[in-house]
Protein backbone atom coordinates (compact mmCIF):
# COMPACT_ATOMS: atom_id res chain seq x y z
CA UNK A 1 3.13 28.24 -31.52
CA UNK A 2 2.02 24.61 -31.28
CA UNK A 3 -0.84 23.74 -28.97
CA UNK A 4 -1.29 20.47 -27.19
CA UNK A 5 -4.80 19.19 -26.79
CA UNK A 6 -5.31 16.93 -23.79
CA UNK A 7 -8.08 14.37 -23.82
CA UNK A 8 -8.71 13.87 -20.11
CA UNK A 9 -11.29 11.12 -20.68
CA UNK A 10 -8.70 9.07 -22.59
CA UNK A 11 -6.18 9.57 -19.80
CA UNK A 12 -8.75 8.57 -17.18
CA UNK A 13 -9.71 5.46 -19.18
CA UNK A 14 -6.08 4.38 -19.47
CA UNK A 15 -6.06 3.22 -15.84
CA UNK A 16 -8.95 0.88 -16.67
CA UNK A 17 -7.19 -0.73 -19.64
CA UNK A 18 -6.80 -4.49 -19.02
CA UNK A 19 -3.04 -4.40 -19.66
CA UNK A 20 -2.57 -1.51 -17.25
CA UNK A 21 -4.71 -3.29 -14.65
CA UNK A 22 -2.64 -6.47 -15.06
CA UNK A 23 0.53 -4.43 -14.51
CA UNK A 24 -0.97 -2.75 -11.43
CA UNK A 25 -2.00 -6.12 -9.96
CA UNK A 26 1.51 -7.49 -10.54
CA UNK A 27 3.03 -4.43 -8.85
CA UNK A 28 0.71 -4.74 -5.86
CA UNK A 29 1.55 -8.45 -5.59
CA UNK A 30 5.21 -7.41 -5.24
CA UNK A 31 4.14 -4.95 -2.54
CA UNK A 32 2.35 -7.76 -0.68
CA UNK A 33 5.42 -9.98 -0.95
CA UNK A 34 7.74 -7.26 0.37
CA UNK A 35 5.33 -6.28 3.15
CA UNK A 36 4.93 -9.85 4.37
CA UNK A 37 8.71 -10.35 4.31
CA UNK A 38 9.31 -7.28 6.50
CA UNK A 39 6.20 -7.21 8.69
CA UNK A 40 6.81 -7.33 12.43
CA UNK A 41 5.54 -10.58 13.89
CA UNK A 42 4.04 -11.11 17.32
CA UNK A 43 1.16 -13.48 16.60
CA UNK A 44 1.56 -13.33 12.81
CA UNK A 45 -1.98 -12.07 12.29
CA UNK A 46 -0.94 -8.69 10.88
CA UNK A 47 1.48 -10.27 8.40
CA UNK A 48 -0.97 -12.99 7.41
CA UNK A 49 -3.78 -10.53 6.60
CA UNK A 50 -1.73 -8.39 4.17
CA UNK A 51 -3.26 -8.86 0.72
CA UNK A 52 -4.06 -7.17 -2.57
CA UNK A 53 -7.68 -6.04 -2.74
CA UNK A 54 -9.15 -7.99 -5.65
CA UNK A 55 -11.55 -5.35 -6.96
CA UNK A 56 -9.97 -2.07 -8.10
CA UNK A 57 -11.69 1.24 -7.39
CA UNK A 58 -13.93 2.68 -10.10
CA UNK A 59 -10.99 4.85 -11.27
CA UNK A 60 -8.71 1.80 -11.59
CA UNK A 61 -6.76 2.29 -8.37
CA UNK A 62 -5.47 -1.01 -6.95
CA UNK A 63 -4.92 -1.35 -3.18
CA UNK A 64 -3.01 -3.45 -0.69
CA UNK A 65 -4.65 -3.87 2.71
CA UNK A 66 -3.90 -5.26 6.15
CA UNK A 67 -7.39 -5.42 7.68
CA UNK A 68 -6.58 -5.85 11.35
CA UNK A 69 -7.75 -3.19 13.79
CA UNK A 70 -4.20 -2.32 14.85
CA UNK A 71 -2.63 -2.04 11.37
CA UNK A 72 -2.51 1.77 11.58
CA UNK A 73 -0.43 1.52 14.75
CA UNK A 74 2.00 -0.92 13.12
CA UNK A 75 2.36 1.46 10.18
CA UNK A 76 2.50 4.82 12.02
CA UNK A 77 3.22 3.93 15.65
CA UNK A 78 1.57 5.55 18.65
CA UNK A 79 2.33 8.40 20.99
CA UNK A 80 2.04 6.05 23.94
CA UNK A 81 5.15 6.21 26.12
CA UNK A 82 6.59 4.14 28.92
CA UNK A 83 7.32 5.63 32.35
CA UNK A 84 10.69 6.90 31.05
CA UNK A 85 9.03 8.85 28.24
CA UNK A 86 10.11 6.50 25.44
CA UNK A 87 7.60 5.69 22.75
CA UNK A 88 6.34 2.14 23.16
CA UNK A 89 5.12 1.51 19.62
CA UNK A 90 7.44 3.04 17.07
CA UNK A 91 6.28 3.31 13.46
CA UNK A 92 7.22 0.35 11.28
CA UNK A 93 6.01 1.70 7.89
CA UNK A 94 5.60 -1.86 6.61
CA UNK A 95 3.21 -1.05 3.76
CA UNK A 96 4.83 2.27 2.86
CA UNK A 97 8.30 0.74 2.69
CA UNK A 98 6.99 -2.21 0.67
CA UNK A 99 5.40 0.19 -1.80
CA UNK A 100 8.69 2.07 -2.12
CA UNK A 101 10.60 -1.20 -2.61
CA UNK A 102 8.21 -2.25 -5.38
CA UNK A 103 8.61 1.09 -7.15
CA UNK A 104 5.24 2.48 -6.17
CA UNK A 105 4.04 5.82 -4.88
CA UNK A 106 2.19 6.45 -1.62
């Protein structure tokens, strides 16, 4: 029987490879583009703050952020209802849908 030896350190280091990082940045730039194109607009602040975080995490993870205090409510909605029991702020899933459109995983 053949055995497969896995070198976890090599796998972990792969995410830090400059070519992999360049690919990840390009993918996240597509996420930003898709998110901005589909973001709901009231004042435009939410849409305008969507960006790729320049510095990856120590494990190589690259992020897209929308750093406004209400971004979570745009993404996931609220349970707040009007007097008829209808939800006022439905989830928009702007970032999640943009990640899906760009071929990412969330």
